[in-house]
Amino acid sequence: MDIKEFLKSELKINLNEVAQRMWPNNQHAKVLMSMKLKGTRQWTDDDTERAKAVLRELYTEGLSKLDTL
């Protein structure tokens, strides 16, 4: 499974949050993410790297929150 398929899977991931973090200067990041996952826009190697970085960041933030409980 590649990162694009992972994002399209049934996992509970807030794609809006991922999109906003992948393209922080793009006010249409949510639409761009949707288009890329549907295949309307091409998914690039850069998108893969950005998505991995964001998912790692969210994972780390989640673990940090657990540590404070």
PDB file of N, CA and C in Angstrom:
ATOM      1  N   MET A   1       0.861  -1.176   0.000  1.00  0.00           N
ATOM      2  CA  MET A   1       0.000   0.000   0.000  1.00  0.00           C
ATOM      3  C   MET A   1       0.901   1.230   0.000  1.00  0.00           C
ATOM      4  N   ASP A   2       0.651   2.154  -0.907  1.00  0.00           N
ATOM      5  CA  ASP A   2       1.422   3.387  -0.920  1.00  0.00           C
ATOM      6  C   ASP A   2       0.705   4.457  -0.091  1.00  0.00           C
ATOM      7  N   ILE A   3       1.329   5.621   0.046  1.00  0.00           N
ATOM      8  CA  ILE A   3       0.790   6.662   0.929  1.00  0.00           C
ATOM      9  C   ILE A   3      -0.553   7.184   0.419  1.00  0.00           C
ATOM     10  N   LYS A   4      -0.720   7.268  -0.901  1.00  0.00           N
ATOM     11  CA  LYS A   4      -1.995   7.737  -1.450  1.00  0.00           C
ATOM     12  C   LYS A   4      -3.117   6.768  -1.087  1.00  0.00           C
ATOM     13  N   GLU A   5      -2.878   5.491  -1.236  1.00  0.00           N
ATOM     14  CA  GLU A   5      -3.886   4.487  -0.875  1.00  0.00           C
ATOM     15  C   GLU A   5      -4.152   4.498   0.626  1.00  0.00           C
ATOM     16  N   PHE A   6      -3.114   4.724   1.420  1.00  0.00           N
ATOM     17  CA  PHE A   6      -3.261   4.817   2.872  1.00  0.00           C
ATOM     18  C   PHE A   6      -4.216   5.954   3.226  1.00  0.00           C
ATOM     19  N   LEU A   7      -4.048   7.101   2.579  1.00  0.00           N
ATOM     20  CA  LEU A   7      -4.909   8.243   2.864  1.00  0.00           C
ATOM     21  C   LEU A   7      -6.344   8.002   2.412  1.00  0.00           C
ATOM     22  N   LYS A   8      -6.542   7.203   1.382  1.00  0.00           N
ATOM     23  CA  LYS A   8      -7.879   6.911   0.874  1.00  0.00           C
ATOM     24  C   LYS A   8      -8.549   5.765   1.630  1.00  0.00           C
ATOM     25  N   SER A   9      -7.823   5.106   2.506  1.00  0.00           N
ATOM     26  CA  SER A   9      -8.348   3.938   3.210  1.00  0.00           C
ATOM     27  C   SER A   9      -9.433   4.336   4.208  1.00  0.00           C
ATOM     28  N   GLU A  10      -9.946   3.361   4.892  1.00  0.00           N
ATOM     29  CA  GLU A  10     -11.040   3.566   5.839  1.00  0.00           C
ATOM     30  C   GLU A  10     -10.560   4.067   7.206  1.00  0.00           C
ATOM     31  N   LEU A  11      -9.288   4.377   7.336  1.00  0.00           N
ATOM     32  CA  LEU A  11      -8.781   4.868   8.601  1.00  0.00           C
ATOM     33  C   LEU A  11      -9.413   6.210   8.944  1.00  0.00           C
ATOM     34  N   LYS A  12      -9.466   6.497  10.200  1.00  0.00           N
ATOM     35  CA  LYS A  12     -10.043   7.758  10.660  1.00  0.00           C
ATOM     36  C   LYS A  12      -8.952   8.836  10.668  1.00  0.00           C
ATOM     37  N   ILE A  13      -8.761   9.455   9.519  1.00  0.00           N
ATOM     38  CA  ILE A  13      -7.755  10.511   9.372  1.00  0.00           C
ATOM     39  C   ILE A  13      -8.484  11.773   8.928  1.00  0.00           C
ATOM     40  N   ASN A  14      -8.190  12.873   9.569  1.00  0.00           N
ATOM     41  CA  ASN A  14      -8.781  14.149   9.188  1.00  0.00           C
ATOM     42  C   ASN A  14      -7.993  14.677   7.982  1.00  0.00           C
ATOM     43  N   LEU A  15      -8.503  14.387   6.783  1.00  0.00           N
ATOM     44  CA  LEU A  15      -7.804  14.785   5.569  1.00  0.00           C
ATOM     45  C   LEU A  15      -7.726  16.297   5.408  1.00  0.00           C
ATOM     46  N   ASN A  16      -8.689  17.022   5.971  1.00  0.00           N
ATOM     47  CA  ASN A  16      -8.629  18.477   5.911  1.00  0.00           C
ATOM     48  C   ASN A  16      -7.401  18.991   6.656  1.00  0.00           C
ATOM     49  N   GLU A  17      -7.144  18.421   7.818  1.00  0.00           N
ATOM     50  CA  GLU A  17      -5.976  18.810   8.606  1.00  0.00           C
ATOM     51  C   GLU A  17      -4.688  18.441   7.867  1.00  0.00           C
ATOM     52  N   VAL A  18      -4.651  17.247   7.308  1.00  0.00           N
ATOM     53  CA  VAL A  18      -3.472  16.808   6.548  1.00  0.00           C
ATOM     54  C   VAL A  18      -3.236  17.754   5.374  1.00  0.00           C
ATOM     55  N   ALA A  19      -4.294  18.078   4.633  1.00  0.00           N
ATOM     56  CA  ALA A  19      -4.177  18.964   3.472  1.00  0.00           C
ATOM     57  C   ALA A  19      -3.669  20.345   3.874  1.00  0.00           C
ATOM     58  N   GLN A  20      -4.226  20.889   4.937  1.00  0.00           N
ATOM     59  CA  GLN A  20      -3.813  22.228   5.375  1.00  0.00           C
ATOM     60  C   GLN A  20      -2.351  22.246   5.808  1.00  0.00           C
ATOM     61  N   ARG A  21      -1.880  21.162   6.373  1.00  0.00           N
ATOM     62  CA  ARG A  21      -0.476  21.097   6.782  1.00  0.00           C
ATOM     63  C   ARG A  21       0.446  20.803   5.592  1.00  0.00           C
ATOM     64  N   MET A  22      -0.051  20.082   4.602  1.00  0.00           N
ATOM     65  CA  MET A  22       0.761  19.792   3.419  1.00  0.00           C
ATOM     66  C   MET A  22       0.964  21.041   2.568  1.00  0.00           C
ATOM     67  N   TRP A  23      -0.076  21.842   2.449  1.00  0.00           N
ATOM     68  CA  TRP A  23      -0.030  23.057   1.626  1.00  0.00           C
ATOM     69  C   TRP A  23      -0.531  24.243   2.448  1.00  0.00           C
ATOM     70  N   PRO A  24       0.262  24.684   3.433  1.00  0.00           N
ATOM     71  CA  PRO A  24      -0.203  25.722   4.372  1.00  0.00           C
ATOM     72  C   PRO A  24      -0.501  27.074   3.724  1.00  0.00           C
ATOM     73  N   ASN A  25       0.065  27.353   2.578  1.00  0.00           N
ATOM     74  CA  ASN A  25      -0.157  28.647   1.918  1.00  0.00           C
ATOM     75  C   ASN A  25      -1.229  28.579   0.840  1.00  0.00           C
ATOM     76  N   ASN A  26      -1.904  27.460   0.743  1.00  0.00           N
ATOM     77  CA  ASN A  26      -2.931  27.278  -0.279  1.00  0.00           C
ATOM     78  C   ASN A  26      -4.292  27.286   0.407  1.00  0.00           C
ATOM     79  N   GLN A  27      -5.085  28.309   0.127  1.00  0.00           N
ATOM     80  CA  GLN A  27      -6.394  28.406   0.774  1.00  0.00           C
ATOM     81  C   GLN A  27      -7.367  27.339   0.272  1.00  0.00           C
ATOM     82  N   HIS A  28      -7.015  26.658  -0.808  1.00  0.00           N
ATOM     83  CA  HIS A  28      -7.857  25.596  -1.358  1.00  0.00           C
ATOM     84  C   HIS A  28      -7.225  24.221  -1.148  1.00  0.00           C
ATOM     85  N   ALA A  29      -6.463  24.079  -0.074  1.00  0.00           N
ATOM     86  CA  ALA A  29      -5.738  22.830   0.185  1.00  0.00           C
ATOM     87  C   ALA A  29      -6.676  21.634   0.269  1.00  0.00           C
ATOM     88  N   LYS A  30      -7.833  21.815   0.884  1.00  0.00           N
ATOM     89  CA  LYS A  30      -8.781  20.705   1.028  1.00  0.00           C
ATOM     90  C   LYS A  30      -9.276  20.224  -0.338  1.00  0.00           C
ATOM     91  N   VAL A  31      -9.551  21.168  -1.226  1.00  0.00           N
ATOM     92  CA  VAL A  31     -10.008  20.826  -2.579  1.00  0.00           C
ATOM     93  C   VAL A  31      -8.877  20.145  -3.342  1.00  0.00           C
ATOM     94  N   LEU A  32      -7.677  20.670  -3.201  1.00  0.00           N
ATOM     95  CA  LEU A  32      -6.517  20.090  -3.874  1.00  0.00           C
ATOM     96  C   LEU A  32      -6.303  18.647  -3.426  1.00  0.00           C
ATOM     97  N   MET A  33      -6.401  18.392  -2.131  1.00  0.00           N
ATOM     98  CA  MET A  33      -6.253  17.039  -1.616  1.00  0.00           C
ATOM     99  C   MET A  33      -7.306  16.125  -2.222  1.00  0.00           C
ATOM    100  N   SER A  34      -8.531  16.565  -2.245  1.00  0.00           N
ATOM    101  CA  SER A  34      -9.612  15.768  -2.804  1.00  0.00           C
ATOM    102  C   SER A  34      -9.354  15.440  -4.271  1.00  0.00           C
ATOM    103  N   MET A  35      -8.927  16.427  -5.037  1.00  0.00           N
ATOM    104  CA  MET A  35      -8.660  16.221  -6.457  1.00  0.00           C
ATOM    105  C   MET A  35      -7.503  15.243  -6.673  1.00  0.00           C
ATOM    106  N   LYS A  36      -6.491  15.353  -5.854  1.00  0.00           N
ATOM    107  CA  LYS A  36      -5.338  14.465  -5.989  1.00  0.00           C
ATOM    108  C   LYS A  36      -5.692  13.028  -5.599  1.00  0.00           C
ATOM    109  N   LEU A  37      -6.508  12.858  -4.569  1.00  0.00           N
ATOM    110  CA  LEU A  37      -6.890  11.512  -4.161  1.00  0.00           C
ATOM    111  C   LEU A  37      -7.856  10.866  -5.150  1.00  0.00           C
ATOM    112  N   LYS A  38      -8.667  11.675  -5.812  1.00  0.00           N
ATOM    113  CA  LYS A  38      -9.604  11.154  -6.813  1.00  0.00           C
ATOM    114  C   LYS A  38      -8.926  10.914  -8.163  1.00  0.00           C
ATOM    115  N   GLY A  39      -7.738  11.494  -8.354  1.00  0.00           N
ATOM    116  CA  GLY A  39      -7.032  11.323  -9.616  1.00  0.00           C
ATOM    117  C   GLY A  39      -7.258  12.439 -10.618  1.00  0.00           C
ATOM    118  N   THR A  40      -8.013  13.467 -10.226  1.00  0.00           N
ATOM    119  CA  THR A  40      -8.238  14.614 -11.104  1.00  0.00           C
ATOM    120  C   THR A  40      -6.950  15.400 -11.302  1.00  0.00           C
ATOM    121  N   ARG A  41      -6.143  15.469 -10.246  1.00  0.00           N
ATOM    122  CA  ARG A  41      -4.795  16.068 -10.298  1.00  0.00           C
ATOM    123  C   ARG A  41      -3.800  14.970  -9.977  1.00  0.00           C
ATOM    124  N   GLN A  42      -2.617  15.094 -10.543  1.00  0.00           N
ATOM    125  CA  GLN A  42      -1.596  14.059 -10.353  1.00  0.00           C
ATOM    126  C   GLN A  42      -1.028  14.084  -8.940  1.00  0.00           C
ATOM    127  N   TRP A  43      -0.873  12.905  -8.350  1.00  0.00           N
ATOM    128  CA  TRP A  43      -0.211  12.734  -7.066  1.00  0.00           C
ATOM    129  C   TRP A  43       1.283  12.604  -7.361  1.00  0.00           C
ATOM    130  N   THR A  44       2.102  13.449  -6.740  1.00  0.00           N
ATOM    131  CA  THR A  44       3.530  13.481  -7.047  1.00  0.00           C
ATOM    132  C   THR A  44       4.362  12.861  -5.928  1.00  0.00           C
ATOM    133  N   ASP A  45       5.636  12.638  -6.230  1.00  0.00           N
ATOM    134  CA  ASP A  45       6.557  12.154  -5.199  1.00  0.00           C
ATOM    135  C   ASP A  45       6.668  13.169  -4.063  1.00  0.00           C
ATOM    136  N   ASP A  46       6.615  14.450  -4.394  1.00  0.00           N
ATOM    137  CA  ASP A  46       6.653  15.499  -3.372  1.00  0.00           C
ATOM    138  C   ASP A  46       5.427  15.408  -2.466  1.00  0.00           C
ATOM    139  N   ASP A  47       4.269  15.111  -3.045  1.00  0.00           N
ATOM    140  CA  ASP A  47       3.051  14.929  -2.242  1.00  0.00           C
ATOM    141  C   ASP A  47       3.230  13.778  -1.258  1.00  0.00           C
ATOM    142  N   THR A  48       3.840  12.702  -1.725  1.00  0.00           N
ATOM    143  CA  THR A  48       4.089  11.551  -0.860  1.00  0.00           C
ATOM    144  C   THR A  48       4.963  11.945   0.313  1.00  0.00           C
ATOM    145  N   GLU A  49       6.041  12.662   0.055  1.00  0.00           N
ATOM    146  CA  GLU A  49       6.943  13.070   1.127  1.00  0.00           C
ATOM    147  C   GLU A  49       6.271  14.038   2.090  1.00  0.00           C
ATOM    148  N   ARG A  50       5.503  14.973   1.566  1.00  0.00           N
ATOM    149  CA  ARG A  50       4.783  15.921   2.428  1.00  0.00           C
ATOM    150  C   ARG A  50       3.770  15.187   3.310  1.00  0.00           C
ATOM    151  N   ALA A  51       3.029  14.267   2.717  1.00  0.00           N
ATOM    152  CA  ALA A  51       2.017  13.522   3.475  1.00  0.00           C
ATOM    153  C   ALA A  51       2.666  12.702   4.583  1.00  0.00           C
ATOM    154  N   LYS A  52       3.775  12.037   4.266  1.00  0.00           N
ATOM    155  CA  LYS A  52       4.479  11.259   5.289  1.00  0.00           C
ATOM    156  C   LYS A  52       4.931  12.155   6.431  1.00  0.00           C
ATOM    157  N   ALA A  53       5.472  13.319   6.101  1.00  0.00           N
ATOM    158  CA  ALA A  53       5.945  14.250   7.134  1.00  0.00           C
ATOM    159  C   ALA A  53       4.788  14.710   8.016  1.00  0.00           C
ATOM    160  N   VAL A  54       3.657  15.026   7.406  1.00  0.00           N
ATOM    161  CA  VAL A  54       2.488  15.483   8.171  1.00  0.00           C
ATOM    162  C   VAL A  54       1.956  14.361   9.056  1.00  0.00           C
ATOM    163  N   LEU A  55       1.868  13.147   8.525  1.00  0.00           N
ATOM    164  CA  LEU A  55       1.374  12.028   9.334  1.00  0.00           C
ATOM    165  C   LEU A  55       2.303  11.741  10.501  1.00  0.00           C
ATOM    166  N   ARG A  56       3.611  11.844  10.282  1.00  0.00           N
ATOM    167  CA  ARG A  56       4.565  11.677  11.397  1.00  0.00           C
ATOM    168  C   ARG A  56       4.362  12.763  12.445  1.00  0.00           C
ATOM    169  N   GLU A  57       4.167  13.996  11.972  1.00  0.00           N
ATOM    170  CA  GLU A  57       3.953  15.132  12.865  1.00  0.00           C
ATOM    171  C   GLU A  57       2.688  14.929  13.699  1.00  0.00           C
ATOM    172  N   LEU A  58       1.603  14.529  13.068  1.00  0.00           N
ATOM    173  CA  LEU A  58       0.350  14.298  13.789  1.00  0.00           C
ATOM    174  C   LEU A  58       0.486  13.151  14.780  1.00  0.00           C
ATOM    175  N   TYR A  59       1.189  12.107  14.383  1.00  0.00           N
ATOM    176  CA  TYR A  59       1.427  10.961  15.261  1.00  0.00           C
ATOM    177  C   TYR A  59       2.211  11.401  16.494  1.00  0.00           C
ATOM    178  N   THR A  60       3.257  12.174  16.276  1.00  0.00           N
ATOM    179  CA  THR A  60       4.098  12.657  17.368  1.00  0.00           C
ATOM    180  C   THR A  60       3.300  13.563  18.307  1.00  0.00           C
ATOM    181  N   GLU A  61       2.493  14.444  17.737  1.00  0.00           N
ATOM    182  CA  GLU A  61       1.654  15.324  18.552  1.00  0.00           C
ATOM    183  C   GLU A  61       0.676  14.512  19.396  1.00  0.00           C
ATOM    184  N   GLY A  62       0.113  13.479  18.796  1.00  0.00           N
ATOM    185  CA  GLY A  62      -0.818  12.619  19.531  1.00  0.00           C
ATOM    186  C   GLY A  62      -0.147  11.902  20.683  1.00  0.00           C
ATOM    187  N   LEU A  63       1.067  11.399  20.447  1.00  0.00           N
ATOM    188  CA  LEU A  63       1.808  10.729  21.519  1.00  0.00           C
ATOM    189  C   LEU A  63       2.157  11.699  22.634  1.00  0.00           C
ATOM    190  N   SER A  64       2.511  12.921  22.262  1.00  0.00           N
ATOM    191  CA  SER A  64       2.841  13.931  23.276  1.00  0.00           C
ATOM    192  C   SER A  64       1.642  14.217  24.164  1.00  0.00           C
ATOM    193  N   LYS A  65       0.461  14.255  23.566  1.00  0.00           N
ATOM    194  CA  LYS A  65      -0.751  14.496  24.351  1.00  0.00           C
ATOM    195  C   LYS A  65      -1.015  13.346  25.306  1.00  0.00           C
ATOM    196  N   LEU A  66      -0.750  12.109  24.858  1.00  0.00           N
ATOM    197  CA  LEU A  66      -0.932  10.954  25.736  1.00  0.00           C
ATOM    198  C   LEU A  66      -0.007  11.016  26.935  1.00  0.00           C
ATOM    199  N   ASP A  67       1.211  11.482  26.724  1.00  0.00           N
ATOM    200  CA  ASP A  67       2.185  11.553  27.792  1.00  0.00           C
ATOM    201  C   ASP A  67       1.784  12.545  28.885  1.00  0.00           C
ATOM    202  N   THR A  68       0.928  13.506  28.561  1.00  0.00           N
ATOM    203  CA  THR A  68       0.528  14.494  29.554  1.00  0.00           C
ATOM    204  C   THR A  68      -0.690  14.057  30.359  1.00  0.00           C
ATOM    205  N   LEU A  69      -1.280  12.935  29.999  1.00  0.00           N
ATOM    206  CA  LEU A  69      -2.472  12.466  30.717  1.00  0.00           C
ATOM    207  C   LEU A  69      -2.103  11.805  32.023  1.00  0.00           C
TER     208      LEU A  69
END
